[in-house]
Amino acid sequence: MIEARSMFGTRIHDIDFEVGAHVTFVSDLHLDPRWPEKTAAFAALLAGLPEASKLVIAGDLFEFWLGRTQLRVPAWQEVPRLLETLARRGITCYVLHGNRDFQLDADFERASATTVIDGGLRIVSDGATQLVVLHGDELCANDLAYQKSKRWLRSRFLTSVLHRTPYAWAHGLVQRGRAKSRASQQERDPTTMLVSRAALAEVGRSLEADLLFGHVHQAASDALPGSGRHYFVLPEFESERYGHARWIVGASPRLVLRGREEPWPGGLDLSA
């Protein structure tokens, strides 16, 4: 896997998948020991994956992730153990950073036997781009307050602080930051927090591929503006519906809800 390019400040990494490979995509699980029913639903999803297939988690696997100190807390060790079992079944797992768990790092990789992706993926087969996968927060380009705070939150300085701060203290800091963020959202124009039409068009022009992402917690699909390609939006993973997508490389992703394939809903409401 090599780093190919950057879009909207997100690194895009190239990865080769064979045509015909079976891939499962899931996003926005927001797993947390406080909600064991979601972890149980995730475990059921993993148990049903085809042997020797691939799993791509498109961000926000966890409700939050504060760095290596979180791995030392027993309650947070269940999910890495679940993921580690996939490797023994020949299933390869890629975990993209989301806006809640961008501190996932090499320590998590070792504990879970996964590959953490600090950006997006461009999936290539036989030299042709098949699909681009992002978390999706970078597509909300008109939410300037969020994009500014994102650069600070992912700075090397803050990462260094979090990795050296005891878990309980770091958790308290994050909770206070979340409260301020929620208050700020109530004061902003809600349309600025939508996915940007211009950002989708830029993806279509620059990468010449279909796009799959999550973040907005709403399954959707439509044409990429100004392009013959399409975008697919993963739903939030809920314990009742455990929504995800199945993909055979070379075909189109299929939406799965409650264990059944369903038609993709229409497009998202977009900002400019």
Foldseek 3Di string as FASTA:
>chain_A
DAFDDDDLNFTEGEDEDAFQAKEWEAEALQDDLVCVLSVVLVLVVLVPDDFLGEYEYQENPHVAALADLVCVDVSPLPVLVSLQVNVVRNYAYEYEYYLHYLRDDVNSCVSNVYHYGDGKYQYDYPRHTEEIEHQQQSQLVLPVVVSVVSCVCPDPVNSVVSHPDNPVVSVVVVVVVVVVVVVVCVVDDVQSSFGALVSLLCCCVPVVYEYEHEDVQAWEKDARPPHPHMYTYWHNQDSQFRWIWMDRGPDDIFIGTNRDTDDTHYHDDHHD
